[in-house]
Amino acid sequence: MDLFRQINACQHLYLDKLIEINDLEVEFWIHEAGPLGKGNIAAVSSSYEQIVSSPQSRLFRILFEGYIAYAVFNESFEKLPTFETLYSRLFQVISASPFLDYVIANSNIDYAEAIAEEKPRHYRLNCINHVIDIATCFEPSIEVIEVASEVQ
């Protein structure tokens, strides 16, 4: 199973770090998360359980090089999306959205497309603490860094 699908197979995600490495390079460190007190974080949770990362949780590093724009929202204030996605749930690729429309209308999109030789895409990370939208013409780089050593 590729890493994109592994991320989407997680029960929940938790944004641990957002790092702007260089100009136009941003990486997100994302922990797999699940309900507190469960031996298996894939177990079904009730809406009253605290959701955390466990010592068995995976840590994903997702790097976007050459992004056009990104936005980070507090997940409590994000509107429910009204767009269709190519992948579902946690890590989404969105073909058309208000965010992508805004980026295209307010940036030099012809220049971005010329550099990448690709049309821009909208990626979305749905974490329990933040929702992150990224517009880019490039595929992200994804790797599993380590098994988390502490409960978040």
Protein backbone atom coordinates (compact mmCIF):
# COMPACT_ATOMS: atom_id res chain seq x y z
CA MET A 1 0.00 0.00 0.00
CA ASP A 2 1.49 3.37 -0.96
CA LEU A 3 1.98 6.04 1.71
CA PHE A 4 -0.88 8.19 0.42
CA ARG A 5 -3.27 5.29 1.02
CA GLN A 6 -1.63 4.48 4.36
CA ILE A 7 -2.36 8.01 5.53
CA ASN A 8 -5.98 7.70 4.43
CA ALA A 9 -6.25 4.35 6.24
CA CYS A 10 -5.47 6.05 9.59
CA GLN A 11 -8.37 6.68 11.93
CA HIS A 12 -7.31 10.30 12.63
CA LEU A 13 -4.35 12.59 11.96
CA TYR A 14 -2.69 15.14 14.25
CA LEU A 15 -0.58 18.00 12.86
CA ASP A 16 2.58 18.00 14.95
CA LYS A 17 4.78 20.49 13.04
CA LEU A 18 4.63 22.80 10.07
CA ILE A 19 8.08 23.88 8.88
CA GLU A 20 8.93 26.28 6.09
CA ILE A 21 12.29 24.79 5.14
CA ASN A 22 13.22 27.20 2.33
CA ASP A 23 11.41 29.56 0.03
CA LEU A 24 8.53 27.60 -1.50
CA GLU A 25 9.21 24.45 0.52
CA VAL A 26 6.89 23.50 3.36
CA GLU A 27 6.71 20.25 5.27
CA PHE A 28 4.08 18.89 7.58
CA TRP A 29 4.81 16.32 10.31
CA ILE A 30 1.63 14.36 10.83
CA HIS A 31 1.02 11.76 13.57
CA GLU A 32 -1.45 8.96 13.26
CA ALA A 33 -3.98 9.31 16.11
CA GLY A 34 -6.77 7.38 17.77
CA PRO A 35 -8.83 7.20 20.95
CA LEU A 36 -6.97 7.30 24.28
CA GLY A 37 -6.94 4.11 26.30
CA LYS A 38 -7.37 1.72 23.40
CA GLY A 39 -4.68 -0.85 22.74
CA ASN A 40 -5.46 -0.71 19.05
CA ILE A 41 -5.90 2.83 17.71
CA ALA A 42 -7.96 1.46 14.85
CA ALA A 43 -10.70 0.52 17.33
CA VAL A 44 -13.99 2.34 16.98
CA SER A 45 -14.17 5.38 19.25
CA SER A 46 -17.10 7.17 20.81
CA SER A 47 -17.37 10.93 20.45
CA TYR A 48 -16.38 11.31 24.12
CA GLU A 49 -12.93 9.72 24.02
CA GLN A 50 -9.79 11.84 23.85
CA ILE A 51 -7.95 11.32 20.57
CA VAL A 52 -4.16 11.13 20.82
CA SER A 53 -1.06 9.62 19.23
CA SER A 54 0.21 6.45 20.87
CA PRO A 55 3.70 4.94 21.05
CA GLN A 56 2.65 2.69 18.13
CA SER A 57 1.53 5.64 15.96
CA ARG A 58 3.25 6.34 12.67
CA LEU A 59 4.77 9.75 11.97
CA PHE A 60 4.46 10.96 8.38
CA ARG A 61 6.59 13.73 6.86
CA ILE A 62 4.86 15.34 3.89
CA LEU A 63 6.99 17.78 1.87
CA PHE A 64 5.58 20.17 -0.71
CA GLU A 65 8.29 21.70 -2.91
CA GLY A 66 7.29 24.58 -5.14
CA TYR A 67 3.86 25.17 -3.64
CA ILE A 68 1.79 28.10 -4.91
CA ALA A 69 -0.13 28.75 -1.68
CA TYR A 70 -1.23 27.06 1.50
CA ALA A 71 -3.69 27.88 4.25
CA VAL A 72 -4.04 26.47 7.76
CA PHE A 73 -7.43 26.56 9.48
CA ASN A 74 -8.40 25.72 13.04
CA GLU A 75 -10.51 22.64 12.40
CA SER A 76 -13.27 23.98 14.67
CA PHE A 77 -13.97 26.85 12.26
CA GLU A 78 -13.63 25.12 8.91
CA LYS A 79 -16.80 24.90 6.81
CA LEU A 80 -17.84 21.47 5.62
CA PRO A 81 -16.53 21.05 2.07
CA THR A 82 -18.91 21.06 -0.88
CA PHE A 83 -16.45 19.70 -3.43
CA GLU A 84 -15.64 16.22 -4.70
CA THR A 85 -12.29 14.61 -3.97
CA LEU A 86 -10.20 12.07 -5.82
CA TYR A 87 -9.23 10.44 -2.53
CA SER A 88 -11.41 10.47 0.53
CA ARG A 89 -11.15 11.35 4.21
CA LEU A 90 -7.83 12.49 5.61
CA PHE A 91 -5.45 13.33 2.75
CA GLN A 92 -7.40 14.52 -0.24
CA VAL A 93 -6.67 15.51 -3.82
CA ILE A 94 -9.36 17.92 -4.97
CA SER A 95 -9.97 18.58 -8.65
CA ALA A 96 -11.98 21.80 -8.25
CA SER A 97 -12.64 23.92 -5.17
CA PRO A 98 -13.17 27.51 -4.01
CA PHE A 99 -9.62 27.47 -2.58
CA LEU A 100 -8.12 26.47 -5.93
CA ASP A 101 -10.31 29.03 -7.73
CA TYR A 102 -9.01 31.74 -5.35
CA VAL A 103 -5.36 30.72 -5.90
CA ILE A 104 -5.76 30.64 -9.69
CA ALA A 105 -7.50 34.04 -9.73
CA ASN A 106 -4.92 35.70 -7.46
CA SER A 107 -1.57 34.32 -8.62
CA ASN A 108 0.58 34.14 -11.72
CA ILE A 109 -0.74 30.70 -12.54
CA ASP A 110 0.67 30.69 -16.09
CA TYR A 111 4.18 31.00 -14.65
CA ALA A 112 3.56 28.17 -12.16
CA GLU A 113 2.21 25.91 -14.91
CA ALA A 114 5.17 26.74 -17.18
CA ILE A 115 7.68 25.75 -14.47
CA ALA A 116 5.93 22.53 -13.54
CA GLU A 117 4.40 21.68 -16.93
CA GLU A 118 1.32 20.66 -14.91
CA LYS A 119 -1.97 22.20 -13.88
CA PRO A 120 -2.28 23.15 -10.18
CA ARG A 121 -3.93 20.69 -7.79
CA HIS A 122 -5.51 21.21 -4.41
CA TYR A 123 -4.35 18.90 -1.61
CA ARG A 124 -6.11 18.88 1.77
CA LEU A 125 -4.98 17.38 5.07
CA ASN A 126 -7.85 16.88 7.53
CA CYS A 127 -6.26 16.69 10.98
CA ILE A 128 -8.00 16.70 14.36
CA ASN A 129 -6.39 20.04 15.23
CA HIS A 130 -6.08 21.77 11.83
CA VAL A 131 -7.27 21.62 8.23
CA ILE A 132 -4.53 22.41 5.71
CA ASP A 133 -5.12 23.37 2.08
CA ILE A 134 -2.19 23.35 -0.36
CA ALA A 135 -2.19 24.46 -4.00
CA THR A 136 0.70 23.13 -6.04
CA CYS A 137 1.64 21.83 -9.48
CA PHE A 138 3.95 19.18 -7.97
CA GLU A 139 3.30 15.88 -6.21
CA PRO A 140 4.24 15.91 -2.51
CA SER A 141 7.03 13.75 -1.12
CA ILE A 142 5.79 11.46 1.67
CA GLU A 143 7.80 9.32 4.08
CA VAL A 144 7.33 7.59 7.40
CA ILE A 145 9.87 9.16 9.77
CA GLU A 146 9.69 7.01 12.90
CA VAL A 147 7.33 5.44 15.35
CA ALA A 148 6.13 8.12 17.76
CA SER A 149 7.89 7.84 21.10
CA GLU A 150 5.45 9.81 23.24
CA VAL A 151 1.72 10.16 23.58
CA GLN A 152 0.66 13.60 22.35
